[in-house]
Amino acid sequence: TQLSPTRIRLTTCEVPAKDSKQCK
């Protein structure tokens, strides 16, 4: 996610195999 020209947010989530629509 771009926050500014020199600043970014890197977000991690887990997608289970049984429900690819979820991202914990």
PDBML (XML) file of the C-alpha atoms, coordinates in Angstrom:
<?xml version="1.0" encoding="UTF-8" ?>
<PDBx:datablock datablockName="MODEL"
   xmlns:PDBx="http://pdbml.pdb.org/schema/pdbx-v50.xsd"
   xmlns:xsi="http://www.w3.org/2001/XMLSchema-instance"
   xsi:schemaLocation="http://pdbml.pdb.org/schema/pdbx-v50.xsd pdbx-v50.xsd">
   <PDBx:atom_siteCategory>
      <PDBx:atom_site id="1">
         <PDBx:B_iso_or_equiv>0.00</PDBx:B_iso_or_equiv>
         <PDBx:Cartn_x>0.000</PDBx:Cartn_x>
         <PDBx:Cartn_y>0.000</PDBx:Cartn_y>
         <PDBx:Cartn_z>0.000</PDBx:Cartn_z>
         <PDBx:auth_asym_id>A</PDBx:auth_asym_id>
         <PDBx:auth_atom_id>CA</PDBx:auth_atom_id>
         <PDBx:auth_comp_id>THR</PDBx:auth_comp_id>
         <PDBx:auth_seq_id>1</PDBx:auth_seq_id>
         <PDBx:group_PDB>ATOM</PDBx:group_PDB>
         <PDBx:label_alt_id xsi:nil="true" />
         <PDBx:label_asym_id>A</PDBx:label_asym_id>
         <PDBx:label_atom_id>CA</PDBx:label_atom_id>
         <PDBx:label_comp_id>THR</PDBx:label_comp_id>
         <PDBx:label_entity_id>1</PDBx:label_entity_id>
         <PDBx:label_seq_id>1</PDBx:label_seq_id>
         <PDBx:occupancy>1.00</PDBx:occupancy>
         <PDBx:pdbx_PDB_model_num>1</PDBx:pdbx_PDB_model_num>
         <PDBx:type_symbol>C</PDBx:type_symbol>
      </PDBx:atom_site>
      <PDBx:atom_site id="2">
         <PDBx:B_iso_or_equiv>0.00</PDBx:B_iso_or_equiv>
         <PDBx:Cartn_x>1.538</PDBx:Cartn_x>
         <PDBx:Cartn_y>3.301</PDBx:Cartn_y>
         <PDBx:Cartn_z>-1.102</PDBx:Cartn_z>
         <PDBx:auth_asym_id>A</PDBx:auth_asym_id>
         <PDBx:auth_atom_id>CA</PDBx:auth_atom_id>
         <PDBx:auth_comp_id>GLN</PDBx:auth_comp_id>
         <PDBx:auth_seq_id>2</PDBx:auth_seq_id>
         <PDBx:group_PDB>ATOM</PDBx:group_PDB>
         <PDBx:label_alt_id xsi:nil="true" />
         <PDBx:label_asym_id>A</PDBx:label_asym_id>
         <PDBx:label_atom_id>CA</PDBx:label_atom_id>
         <PDBx:label_comp_id>GLN</PDBx:label_comp_id>
         <PDBx:label_entity_id>1</PDBx:label_entity_id>
         <PDBx:label_seq_id>2</PDBx:label_seq_id>
         <PDBx:occupancy>1.00</PDBx:occupancy>
         <PDBx:pdbx_PDB_model_num>1</PDBx:pdbx_PDB_model_num>
         <PDBx:type_symbol>C</PDBx:type_symbol>
      </PDBx:atom_site>
      <PDBx:atom_site id="3">
         <PDBx:B_iso_or_equiv>0.00</PDBx:B_iso_or_equiv>
         <PDBx:Cartn_x>1.598</PDBx:Cartn_x>
         <PDBx:Cartn_y>5.838</PDBx:Cartn_y>
         <PDBx:Cartn_z>1.747</PDBx:Cartn_z>
         <PDBx:auth_asym_id>A</PDBx:auth_asym_id>
         <PDBx:auth_atom_id>CA</PDBx:auth_atom_id>
         <PDBx:auth_comp_id>LEU</PDBx:auth_comp_id>
         <PDBx:auth_seq_id>3</PDBx:auth_seq_id>
         <PDBx:group_PDB>ATOM</PDBx:group_PDB>
         <PDBx:label_alt_id xsi:nil="true" />
         <PDBx:label_asym_id>A</PDBx:label_asym_id>
         <PDBx:label_atom_id>CA</PDBx:label_atom_id>
         <PDBx:label_comp_id>LEU</PDBx:label_comp_id>
         <PDBx:label_entity_id>1</PDBx:label_entity_id>
         <PDBx:label_seq_id>3</PDBx:label_seq_id>
         <PDBx:occupancy>1.00</PDBx:occupancy>
         <PDBx:pdbx_PDB_model_num>1</PDBx:pdbx_PDB_model_num>
         <PDBx:type_symbol>C</PDBx:type_symbol>
      </PDBx:atom_site>
      <PDBx:atom_site id="4">
         <PDBx:B_iso_or_equiv>0.00</PDBx:B_iso_or_equiv>
         <PDBx:Cartn_x>3.833</PDBx:Cartn_x>
         <PDBx:Cartn_y>8.463</PDBx:Cartn_y>
         <PDBx:Cartn_z>0.128</PDBx:Cartn_z>
         <PDBx:auth_asym_id>A</PDBx:auth_asym_id>
         <PDBx:auth_atom_id>CA</PDBx:auth_atom_id>
         <PDBx:auth_comp_id>SER</PDBx:auth_comp_id>
         <PDBx:auth_seq_id>4</PDBx:auth_seq_id>
         <PDBx:group_PDB>ATOM</PDBx:group_PDB>
         <PDBx:label_alt_id xsi:nil="true" />
         <PDBx:label_asym_id>A</PDBx:label_asym_id>
         <PDBx:label_atom_id>CA</PDBx:label_atom_id>
         <PDBx:label_comp_id>SER</PDBx:label_comp_id>
         <PDBx:label_entity_id>1</PDBx:label_entity_id>
         <PDBx:label_seq_id>4</PDBx:label_seq_id>
         <PDBx:occupancy>1.00</PDBx:occupancy>
         <PDBx:pdbx_PDB_model_num>1</PDBx:pdbx_PDB_model_num>
         <PDBx:type_symbol>C</PDBx:type_symbol>
      </PDBx:atom_site>
      <PDBx:atom_site id="5">
         <PDBx:B_iso_or_equiv>0.00</PDBx:B_iso_or_equiv>
         <PDBx:Cartn_x>6.454</PDBx:Cartn_x>
         <PDBx:Cartn_y>8.549</PDBx:Cartn_y>
         <PDBx:Cartn_z>-2.651</PDBx:Cartn_z>
         <PDBx:auth_asym_id>A</PDBx:auth_asym_id>
         <PDBx:auth_atom_id>CA</PDBx:auth_atom_id>
         <PDBx:auth_comp_id>PRO</PDBx:auth_comp_id>
         <PDBx:auth_seq_id>5</PDBx:auth_seq_id>
         <PDBx:group_PDB>ATOM</PDBx:group_PDB>
         <PDBx:label_alt_id xsi:nil="true" />
         <PDBx:label_asym_id>A</PDBx:label_asym_id>
         <PDBx:label_atom_id>CA</PDBx:label_atom_id>
         <PDBx:label_comp_id>PRO</PDBx:label_comp_id>
         <PDBx:label_entity_id>1</PDBx:label_entity_id>
         <PDBx:label_seq_id>5</PDBx:label_seq_id>
         <PDBx:occupancy>1.00</PDBx:occupancy>
         <PDBx:pdbx_PDB_model_num>1</PDBx:pdbx_PDB_model_num>
         <PDBx:type_symbol>C</PDBx:type_symbol>
      </PDBx:atom_site>
      <PDBx:atom_site id="6">
         <PDBx:B_iso_or_equiv>0.00</PDBx:B_iso_or_equiv>
         <PDBx:Cartn_x>9.057</PDBx:Cartn_x>
         <PDBx:Cartn_y>7.096</PDBx:Cartn_y>
         <PDBx:Cartn_z>-0.271</PDBx:Cartn_z>
         <PDBx:auth_asym_id>A</PDBx:auth_asym_id>
         <PDBx:auth_atom_id>CA</PDBx:auth_atom_id>
         <PDBx:auth_comp_id>THR</PDBx:auth_comp_id>
         <PDBx:auth_seq_id>6</PDBx:auth_seq_id>
         <PDBx:group_PDB>ATOM</PDBx:group_PDB>
         <PDBx:label_alt_id xsi:nil="true" />
         <PDBx:label_asym_id>A</PDBx:label_asym_id>
         <PDBx:label_atom_id>CA</PDBx:label_atom_id>
         <PDBx:label_comp_id>THR</PDBx:label_comp_id>
         <PDBx:label_entity_id>1</PDBx:label_entity_id>
         <PDBx:label_seq_id>6</PDBx:label_seq_id>
         <PDBx:occupancy>1.00</PDBx:occupancy>
         <PDBx:pdbx_PDB_model_num>1</PDBx:pdbx_PDB_model_num>
         <PDBx:type_symbol>C</PDBx:type_symbol>
      </PDBx:atom_site>
      <PDBx:atom_site id="7">
         <PDBx:B_iso_or_equiv>0.00</PDBx:B_iso_or_equiv>
         <PDBx:Cartn_x>6.886</PDBx:Cartn_x>
         <PDBx:Cartn_y>5.238</PDBx:Cartn_y>
         <PDBx:Cartn_z>2.248</PDBx:Cartn_z>
         <PDBx:auth_asym_id>A</PDBx:auth_asym_id>
         <PDBx:auth_atom_id>CA</PDBx:auth_atom_id>
         <PDBx:auth_comp_id>ARG</PDBx:auth_comp_id>
         <PDBx:auth_seq_id>7</PDBx:auth_seq_id>
         <PDBx:group_PDB>ATOM</PDBx:group_PDB>
         <PDBx:label_alt_id xsi:nil="true" />
         <PDBx:label_asym_id>A</PDBx:label_asym_id>
         <PDBx:label_atom_id>CA</PDBx:label_atom_id>
         <PDBx:label_comp_id>ARG</PDBx:label_comp_id>
         <PDBx:label_entity_id>1</PDBx:label_entity_id>
         <PDBx:label_seq_id>7</PDBx:label_seq_id>
         <PDBx:occupancy>1.00</PDBx:occupancy>
         <PDBx:pdbx_PDB_model_num>1</PDBx:pdbx_PDB_model_num>
         <PDBx:type_symbol>C</PDBx:type_symbol>
      </PDBx:atom_site>
      <PDBx:atom_site id="8">
         <PDBx:B_iso_or_equiv>0.00</PDBx:B_iso_or_equiv>
         <PDBx:Cartn_x>5.068</PDBx:Cartn_x>
         <PDBx:Cartn_y>1.895</PDBx:Cartn_y>
         <PDBx:Cartn_z>1.809</PDBx:Cartn_z>
         <PDBx:auth_asym_id>A</PDBx:auth_asym_id>
         <PDBx:auth_atom_id>CA</PDBx:auth_atom_id>
         <PDBx:auth_comp_id>ILE</PDBx:auth_comp_id>
         <PDBx:auth_seq_id>8</PDBx:auth_seq_id>
         <PDBx:group_PDB>ATOM</PDBx:group_PDB>
         <PDBx:label_alt_id xsi:nil="true" />
         <PDBx:label_asym_id>A</PDBx:label_asym_id>
         <PDBx:label_atom_id>CA</PDBx:label_atom_id>
         <PDBx:label_comp_id>ILE</PDBx:label_comp_id>
         <PDBx:label_entity_id>1</PDBx:label_entity_id>
         <PDBx:label_seq_id>8</PDBx:label_seq_id>
         <PDBx:occupancy>1.00</PDBx:occupancy>
         <PDBx:pdbx_PDB_model_num>1</PDBx:pdbx_PDB_model_num>
         <PDBx:type_symbol>C</PDBx:type_symbol>
      </PDBx:atom_site>
      <PDBx:atom_site id="9">
         <PDBx:B_iso_or_equiv>0.00</PDBx:B_iso_or_equiv>
         <PDBx:Cartn_x>3.049</PDBx:Cartn_x>
         <PDBx:Cartn_y>-0.442</PDBx:Cartn_y>
         <PDBx:Cartn_z>4.012</PDBx:Cartn_z>
         <PDBx:auth_asym_id>A</PDBx:auth_asym_id>
         <PDBx:auth_atom_id>CA</PDBx:auth_atom_id>
         <PDBx:auth_comp_id>ARG</PDBx:auth_comp_id>
         <PDBx:auth_seq_id>9</PDBx:auth_seq_id>
         <PDBx:group_PDB>ATOM</PDBx:group_PDB>
         <PDBx:label_alt_id xsi:nil="true" />
         <PDBx:label_asym_id>A</PDBx:label_asym_id>
         <PDBx:label_atom_id>CA</PDBx:label_atom_id>
         <PDBx:label_comp_id>ARG</PDBx:label_comp_id>
         <PDBx:label_entity_id>1</PDBx:label_entity_id>
         <PDBx:label_seq_id>9</PDBx:label_seq_id>
         <PDBx:occupancy>1.00</PDBx:occupancy>
         <PDBx:pdbx_PDB_model_num>1</PDBx:pdbx_PDB_model_num>
         <PDBx:type_symbol>C</PDBx:type_symbol>
      </PDBx:atom_site>
      <PDBx:atom_site id="10">
         <PDBx:B_iso_or_equiv>0.00</PDBx:B_iso_or_equiv>
         <PDBx:Cartn_x>3.760</PDBx:Cartn_x>
         <PDBx:Cartn_y>-4.161</PDBx:Cartn_y>
         <PDBx:Cartn_z>3.489</PDBx:Cartn_z>
         <PDBx:auth_asym_id>A</PDBx:auth_asym_id>
         <PDBx:auth_atom_id>CA</PDBx:auth_atom_id>
         <PDBx:auth_comp_id>LEU</PDBx:auth_comp_id>
         <PDBx:auth_seq_id>10</PDBx:auth_seq_id>
         <PDBx:group_PDB>ATOM</PDBx:group_PDB>
         <PDBx:label_alt_id xsi:nil="true" />
         <PDBx:label_asym_id>A</PDBx:label_asym_id>
         <PDBx:label_atom_id>CA</PDBx:label_atom_id>
         <PDBx:label_comp_id>LEU</PDBx:label_comp_id>
         <PDBx:label_entity_id>1</PDBx:label_entity_id>
         <PDBx:label_seq_id>10</PDBx:label_seq_id>
         <PDBx:occupancy>1.00</PDBx:occupancy>
         <PDBx:pdbx_PDB_model_num>1</PDBx:pdbx_PDB_model_num>
         <PDBx:type_symbol>C</PDBx:type_symbol>
      </PDBx:atom_site>
      <PDBx:atom_site id="11">
         <PDBx:B_iso_or_equiv>0.00</PDBx:B_iso_or_equiv>
         <PDBx:Cartn_x>0.842</PDBx:Cartn_x>
         <PDBx:Cartn_y>-6.191</PDBx:Cartn_y>
         <PDBx:Cartn_z>4.871</PDBx:Cartn_z>
         <PDBx:auth_asym_id>A</PDBx:auth_asym_id>
         <PDBx:auth_atom_id>CA</PDBx:auth_atom_id>
         <PDBx:auth_comp_id>THR</PDBx:auth_comp_id>
         <PDBx:auth_seq_id>11</PDBx:auth_seq_id>
         <PDBx:group_PDB>ATOM</PDBx:group_PDB>
         <PDBx:label_alt_id xsi:nil="true" />
         <PDBx:label_asym_id>A</PDBx:label_asym_id>
         <PDBx:label_atom_id>CA</PDBx:label_atom_id>
         <PDBx:label_comp_id>THR</PDBx:label_comp_id>
         <PDBx:label_entity_id>1</PDBx:label_entity_id>
         <PDBx:label_seq_id>11</PDBx:label_seq_id>
         <PDBx:occupancy>1.00</PDBx:occupancy>
         <PDBx:pdbx_PDB_model_num>1</PDBx:pdbx_PDB_model_num>
         <PDBx:type_symbol>C</PDBx:type_symbol>
      </PDBx:atom_site>
      <PDBx:atom_site id="12">
         <PDBx:B_iso_or_equiv>0.00</PDBx:B_iso_or_equiv>
         <PDBx:Cartn_x>0.924</PDBx:Cartn_x>
         <PDBx:Cartn_y>-9.950</PDBx:Cartn_y>
         <PDBx:Cartn_z>5.484</PDBx:Cartn_z>
         <PDBx:auth_asym_id>A</PDBx:auth_asym_id>
         <PDBx:auth_atom_id>CA</PDBx:auth_atom_id>
         <PDBx:auth_comp_id>THR</PDBx:auth_comp_id>
         <PDBx:auth_seq_id>12</PDBx:auth_seq_id>
         <PDBx:group_PDB>ATOM</PDBx:group_PDB>
         <PDBx:label_alt_id xsi:nil="true" />
         <PDBx:label_asym_id>A</PDBx:label_asym_id>
         <PDBx:label_atom_id>CA</PDBx:label_atom_id>
         <PDBx:label_comp_id>THR</PDBx:label_comp_id>
         <PDBx:label_entity_id>1</PDBx:label_entity_id>
         <PDBx:label_seq_id>12</PDBx:label_seq_id>
         <PDBx:occupancy>1.00</PDBx:occupancy>
         <PDBx:pdbx_PDB_model_num>1</PDBx:pdbx_PDB_model_num>
         <PDBx:type_symbol>C</PDBx:type_symbol>
      </PDBx:atom_site>
      <PDBx:atom_site id="13">
         <PDBx:B_iso_or_equiv>0.00</PDBx:B_iso_or_equiv>
         <PDBx:Cartn_x>-2.089</PDBx:Cartn_x>
         <PDBx:Cartn_y>-12.232</PDBx:Cartn_y>
         <PDBx:Cartn_z>5.751</PDBx:Cartn_z>
         <PDBx:auth_asym_id>A</PDBx:auth_asym_id>
         <PDBx:auth_atom_id>CA</PDBx:auth_atom_id>
         <PDBx:auth_comp_id>CYS</PDBx:auth_comp_id>
         <PDBx:auth_seq_id>13</PDBx:auth_seq_id>
         <PDBx:group_PDB>ATOM</PDBx:group_PDB>
         <PDBx:label_alt_id xsi:nil="true" />
         <PDBx:label_asym_id>A</PDBx:label_asym_id>
         <PDBx:label_atom_id>CA</PDBx:label_atom_id>
         <PDBx:label_comp_id>CYS</PDBx:label_comp_id>
         <PDBx:label_entity_id>1</PDBx:label_entity_id>
         <PDBx:label_seq_id>13</PDBx:label_seq_id>
         <PDBx:occupancy>1.00</PDBx:occupancy>
         <PDBx:pdbx_PDB_model_num>1</PDBx:pdbx_PDB_model_num>
         <PDBx:type_symbol>C</PDBx:type_symbol>
      </PDBx:atom_site>
      <PDBx:atom_site id="14">
         <PDBx:B_iso_or_equiv>0.00</PDBx:B_iso_or_equiv>
         <PDBx:Cartn_x>-2.703</PDBx:Cartn_x>
         <PDBx:Cartn_y>-15.996</PDBx:Cartn_y>
         <PDBx:Cartn_z>5.613</PDBx:Cartn_z>
         <PDBx:auth_asym_id>A</PDBx:auth_asym_id>
         <PDBx:auth_atom_id>CA</PDBx:auth_atom_id>
         <PDBx:auth_comp_id>GLU</PDBx:auth_comp_id>
         <PDBx:auth_seq_id>14</PDBx:auth_seq_id>
         <PDBx:group_PDB>ATOM</PDBx:group_PDB>
         <PDBx:label_alt_id xsi:nil="true" />
         <PDBx:label_asym_id>A</PDBx:label_asym_id>
         <PDBx:label_atom_id>CA</PDBx:label_atom_id>
         <PDBx:label_comp_id>GLU</PDBx:label_comp_id>
         <PDBx:label_entity_id>1</PDBx:label_entity_id>
         <PDBx:label_seq_id>14</PDBx:label_seq_id>
         <PDBx:occupancy>1.00</PDBx:occupancy>
         <PDBx:pdbx_PDB_model_num>1</PDBx:pdbx_PDB_model_num>
         <PDBx:type_symbol>C</PDBx:type_symbol>
      </PDBx:atom_site>
      <PDBx:atom_site id="15">
         <PDBx:B_iso_or_equiv>0.00</PDBx:B_iso_or_equiv>
         <PDBx:Cartn_x>-5.099</PDBx:Cartn_x>
         <PDBx:Cartn_y>-17.522</PDBx:Cartn_y>
         <PDBx:Cartn_z>3.093</PDBx:Cartn_z>
         <PDBx:auth_asym_id>A</PDBx:auth_asym_id>
         <PDBx:auth_atom_id>CA</PDBx:auth_atom_id>
         <PDBx:auth_comp_id>VAL</PDBx:auth_comp_id>
         <PDBx:auth_seq_id>15</PDBx:auth_seq_id>
         <PDBx:group_PDB>ATOM</PDBx:group_PDB>
         <PDBx:label_alt_id xsi:nil="true" />
         <PDBx:label_asym_id>A</PDBx:label_asym_id>
         <PDBx:label_atom_id>CA</PDBx:label_atom_id>
         <PDBx:label_comp_id>VAL</PDBx:label_comp_id>
         <PDBx:label_entity_id>1</PDBx:label_entity_id>
         <PDBx:label_seq_id>15</PDBx:label_seq_id>
         <PDBx:occupancy>1.00</PDBx:occupancy>
         <PDBx:pdbx_PDB_model_num>1</PDBx:pdbx_PDB_model_num>
         <PDBx:type_symbol>C</PDBx:type_symbol>
      </PDBx:atom_site>
      <PDBx:atom_site id="16">
         <PDBx:B_iso_or_equiv>0.00</PDBx:B_iso_or_equiv>
         <PDBx:Cartn_x>-6.247</PDBx:Cartn_x>
         <PDBx:Cartn_y>-21.022</PDBx:Cartn_y>
         <PDBx:Cartn_z>4.159</PDBx:Cartn_z>
         <PDBx:auth_asym_id>A</PDBx:auth_asym_id>
         <PDBx:auth_atom_id>CA</PDBx:auth_atom_id>
         <PDBx:auth_comp_id>PRO</PDBx:auth_comp_id>
         <PDBx:auth_seq_id>16</PDBx:auth_seq_id>
         <PDBx:group_PDB>ATOM</PDBx:group_PDB>
         <PDBx:label_alt_id xsi:nil="true" />
         <PDBx:label_asym_id>A</PDBx:label_asym_id>
         <PDBx:label_atom_id>CA</PDBx:label_atom_id>
         <PDBx:label_comp_id>PRO</PDBx:label_comp_id>
         <PDBx:label_entity_id>1</PDBx:label_entity_id>
         <PDBx:label_seq_id>16</PDBx:label_seq_id>
         <PDBx:occupancy>1.00</PDBx:occupancy>
         <PDBx:pdbx_PDB_model_num>1</PDBx:pdbx_PDB_model_num>
         <PDBx:type_symbol>C</PDBx:type_symbol>
      </PDBx:atom_site>
      <PDBx:atom_site id="17">
         <PDBx:B_iso_or_equiv>0.00</PDBx:B_iso_or_equiv>
         <PDBx:Cartn_x>-6.508</PDBx:Cartn_x>
         <PDBx:Cartn_y>-23.692</PDBx:Cartn_y>
         <PDBx:Cartn_z>1.475</PDBx:Cartn_z>
         <PDBx:auth_asym_id>A</PDBx:auth_asym_id>
         <PDBx:auth_atom_id>CA</PDBx:auth_atom_id>
         <PDBx:auth_comp_id>ALA</PDBx:auth_comp_id>
         <PDBx:auth_seq_id>17</PDBx:auth_seq_id>
         <PDBx:group_PDB>ATOM</PDBx:group_PDB>
         <PDBx:label_alt_id xsi:nil="true" />
         <PDBx:label_asym_id>A</PDBx:label_asym_id>
         <PDBx:label_atom_id>CA</PDBx:label_atom_id>
         <PDBx:label_comp_id>ALA</PDBx:label_comp_id>
         <PDBx:label_entity_id>1</PDBx:label_entity_id>
         <PDBx:label_seq_id>17</PDBx:label_seq_id>
         <PDBx:occupancy>1.00</PDBx:occupancy>
         <PDBx:pdbx_PDB_model_num>1</PDBx:pdbx_PDB_model_num>
         <PDBx:type_symbol>C</PDBx:type_symbol>
      </PDBx:atom_site>
      <PDBx:atom_site id="18">
         <PDBx:B_iso_or_equiv>0.00</PDBx:B_iso_or_equiv>
         <PDBx:Cartn_x>-10.110</PDBx:Cartn_x>
         <PDBx:Cartn_y>-24.488</PDBx:Cartn_y>
         <PDBx:Cartn_z>2.429</PDBx:Cartn_z>
         <PDBx:auth_asym_id>A</PDBx:auth_asym_id>
         <PDBx:auth_atom_id>CA</PDBx:auth_atom_id>
         <PDBx:auth_comp_id>LYS</PDBx:auth_comp_id>
         <PDBx:auth_seq_id>18</PDBx:auth_seq_id>
         <PDBx:group_PDB>ATOM</PDBx:group_PDB>
         <PDBx:label_alt_id xsi:nil="true" />
         <PDBx:label_asym_id>A</PDBx:label_asym_id>
         <PDBx:label_atom_id>CA</PDBx:label_atom_id>
         <PDBx:label_comp_id>LYS</PDBx:label_comp_id>
         <PDBx:label_entity_id>1</PDBx:label_entity_id>
         <PDBx:label_seq_id>18</PDBx:label_seq_id>
         <PDBx:occupancy>1.00</PDBx:occupancy>
         <PDBx:pdbx_PDB_model_num>1</PDBx:pdbx_PDB_model_num>
         <PDBx:type_symbol>C</PDBx:type_symbol>
      </PDBx:atom_site>
      <PDBx:atom_site id="19">
         <PDBx:B_iso_or_equiv>0.00</PDBx:B_iso_or_equiv>
         <PDBx:Cartn_x>-11.323</PDBx:Cartn_x>
         <PDBx:Cartn_y>-20.910</PDBx:Cartn_y>
         <PDBx:Cartn_z>2.053</PDBx:Cartn_z>
         <PDBx:auth_asym_id>A</PDBx:auth_asym_id>
         <PDBx:auth_atom_id>CA</PDBx:auth_atom_id>
         <PDBx:auth_comp_id>ASP</PDBx:auth_comp_id>
         <PDBx:auth_seq_id>19</PDBx:auth_seq_id>
         <PDBx:group_PDB>ATOM</PDBx:group_PDB>
         <PDBx:label_alt_id xsi:nil="true" />
         <PDBx:label_asym_id>A</PDBx:label_asym_id>
         <PDBx:label_atom_id>CA</PDBx:label_atom_id>
         <PDBx:label_comp_id>ASP</PDBx:label_comp_id>
         <PDBx:label_entity_id>1</PDBx:label_entity_id>
         <PDBx:label_seq_id>19</PDBx:label_seq_id>
         <PDBx:occupancy>1.00</PDBx:occupancy>
         <PDBx:pdbx_PDB_model_num>1</PDBx:pdbx_PDB_model_num>
         <PDBx:type_symbol>C</PDBx:type_symbol>
      </PDBx:atom_site>
      <PDBx:atom_site id="20">
         <PDBx:B_iso_or_equiv>0.00</PDBx:B_iso_or_equiv>
         <PDBx:Cartn_x>-9.366</PDBx:Cartn_x>
         <PDBx:Cartn_y>-18.821</PDBx:Cartn_y>
         <PDBx:Cartn_z>-0.430</PDBx:Cartn_z>
         <PDBx:auth_asym_id>A</PDBx:auth_asym_id>
         <PDBx:auth_atom_id>CA</PDBx:auth_atom_id>
         <PDBx:auth_comp_id>SER</PDBx:auth_comp_id>
         <PDBx:auth_seq_id>20</PDBx:auth_seq_id>
         <PDBx:group_PDB>ATOM</PDBx:group_PDB>
         <PDBx:label_alt_id xsi:nil="true" />
         <PDBx:label_asym_id>A</PDBx:label_asym_id>
         <PDBx:label_atom_id>CA</PDBx:label_atom_id>
         <PDBx:label_comp_id>SER</PDBx:label_comp_id>
         <PDBx:label_entity_id>1</PDBx:label_entity_id>
         <PDBx:label_seq_id>20</PDBx:label_seq_id>
         <PDBx:occupancy>1.00</PDBx:occupancy>
         <PDBx:pdbx_PDB_model_num>1</PDBx:pdbx_PDB_model_num>
         <PDBx:type_symbol>C</PDBx:type_symbol>
      </PDBx:atom_site>
      <PDBx:atom_site id="21">
         <PDBx:B_iso_or_equiv>0.00</PDBx:B_iso_or_equiv>
         <PDBx:Cartn_x>-11.688</PDBx:Cartn_x>
         <PDBx:Cartn_y>-15.841</PDBx:Cartn_y>
         <PDBx:Cartn_z>0.159</PDBx:Cartn_z>
         <PDBx:auth_asym_id>A</PDBx:auth_asym_id>
         <PDBx:auth_atom_id>CA</PDBx:auth_atom_id>
         <PDBx:auth_comp_id>LYS</PDBx:auth_comp_id>
         <PDBx:auth_seq_id>21</PDBx:auth_seq_id>
         <PDBx:group_PDB>ATOM</PDBx:group_PDB>
         <PDBx:label_alt_id xsi:nil="true" />
         <PDBx:label_asym_id>A</PDBx:label_asym_id>
         <PDBx:label_atom_id>CA</PDBx:label_atom_id>
         <PDBx:label_comp_id>LYS</PDBx:label_comp_id>
         <PDBx:label_entity_id>1</PDBx:label_entity_id>
         <PDBx:label_seq_id>21</PDBx:label_seq_id>
         <PDBx:occupancy>1.00</PDBx:occupancy>
         <PDBx:pdbx_PDB_model_num>1</PDBx:pdbx_PDB_model_num>
         <PDBx:type_symbol>C</PDBx:type_symbol>
      </PDBx:atom_site>
      <PDBx:atom_site id="22">
         <PDBx:B_iso_or_equiv>0.00</PDBx:B_iso_or_equiv>
         <PDBx:Cartn_x>-10.388</PDBx:Cartn_x>
         <PDBx:Cartn_y>-15.375</PDBx:Cartn_y>
         <PDBx:Cartn_z>3.695</PDBx:Cartn_z>
         <PDBx:auth_asym_id>A</PDBx:auth_asym_id>
         <PDBx:auth_atom_id>CA</PDBx:auth_atom_id>
         <PDBx:auth_comp_id>GLN</PDBx:auth_comp_id>
         <PDBx:auth_seq_id>22</PDBx:auth_seq_id>
         <PDBx:group_PDB>ATOM</PDBx:group_PDB>
         <PDBx:label_alt_id xsi:nil="true" />
         <PDBx:label_asym_id>A</PDBx:label_asym_id>
         <PDBx:label_atom_id>CA</PDBx:label_atom_id>
         <PDBx:label_comp_id>GLN</PDBx:label_comp_id>
         <PDBx:label_entity_id>1</PDBx:label_entity_id>
         <PDBx:label_seq_id>22</PDBx:label_seq_id>
         <PDBx:occupancy>1.00</PDBx:occupancy>
         <PDBx:pdbx_PDB_model_num>1</PDBx:pdbx_PDB_model_num>
         <PDBx:type_symbol>C</PDBx:type_symbol>
      </PDBx:atom_site>
      <PDBx:atom_site id="23">
         <PDBx:B_iso_or_equiv>0.00</PDBx:B_iso_or_equiv>
         <PDBx:Cartn_x>-7.131</PDBx:Cartn_x>
         <PDBx:Cartn_y>-13.644</PDBx:Cartn_y>
         <PDBx:Cartn_z>4.525</PDBx:Cartn_z>
         <PDBx:auth_asym_id>A</PDBx:auth_asym_id>
         <PDBx:auth_atom_id>CA</PDBx:auth_atom_id>
         <PDBx:auth_comp_id>CYS</PDBx:auth_comp_id>
         <PDBx:auth_seq_id>23</PDBx:auth_seq_id>
         <PDBx:group_PDB>ATOM</PDBx:group_PDB>
         <PDBx:label_alt_id xsi:nil="true" />
         <PDBx:label_asym_id>A</PDBx:label_asym_id>
         <PDBx:label_atom_id>CA</PDBx:label_atom_id>
         <PDBx:label_comp_id>CYS</PDBx:label_comp_id>
         <PDBx:label_entity_id>1</PDBx:label_entity_id>
         <PDBx:label_seq_id>23</PDBx:label_seq_id>
         <PDBx:occupancy>1.00</PDBx:occupancy>
         <PDBx:pdbx_PDB_model_num>1</PDBx:pdbx_PDB_model_num>
         <PDBx:type_symbol>C</PDBx:type_symbol>
      </PDBx:atom_site>
      <PDBx:atom_site id="24">
         <PDBx:B_iso_or_equiv>0.00</PDBx:B_iso_or_equiv>
         <PDBx:Cartn_x>-6.227</PDBx:Cartn_x>
         <PDBx:Cartn_y>-13.822</PDBx:Cartn_y>
         <PDBx:Cartn_z>8.216</PDBx:Cartn_z>
         <PDBx:auth_asym_id>A</PDBx:auth_asym_id>
         <PDBx:auth_atom_id>CA</PDBx:auth_atom_id>
         <PDBx:auth_comp_id>LYS</PDBx:auth_comp_id>
         <PDBx:auth_seq_id>24</PDBx:auth_seq_id>
         <PDBx:group_PDB>ATOM</PDBx:group_PDB>
         <PDBx:label_alt_id xsi:nil="true" />
         <PDBx:label_asym_id>A</PDBx:label_asym_id>
         <PDBx:label_atom_id>CA</PDBx:label_atom_id>
         <PDBx:label_comp_id>LYS</PDBx:label_comp_id>
         <PDBx:label_entity_id>1</PDBx:label_entity_id>
         <PDBx:label_seq_id>24</PDBx:label_seq_id>
         <PDBx:occupancy>1.00</PDBx:occupancy>
         <PDBx:pdbx_PDB_model_num>1</PDBx:pdbx_PDB_model_num>
         <PDBx:type_symbol>C</PDBx:type_symbol>
      </PDBx:atom_site>
   </PDBx:atom_siteCategory>
</PDBx:datablock>
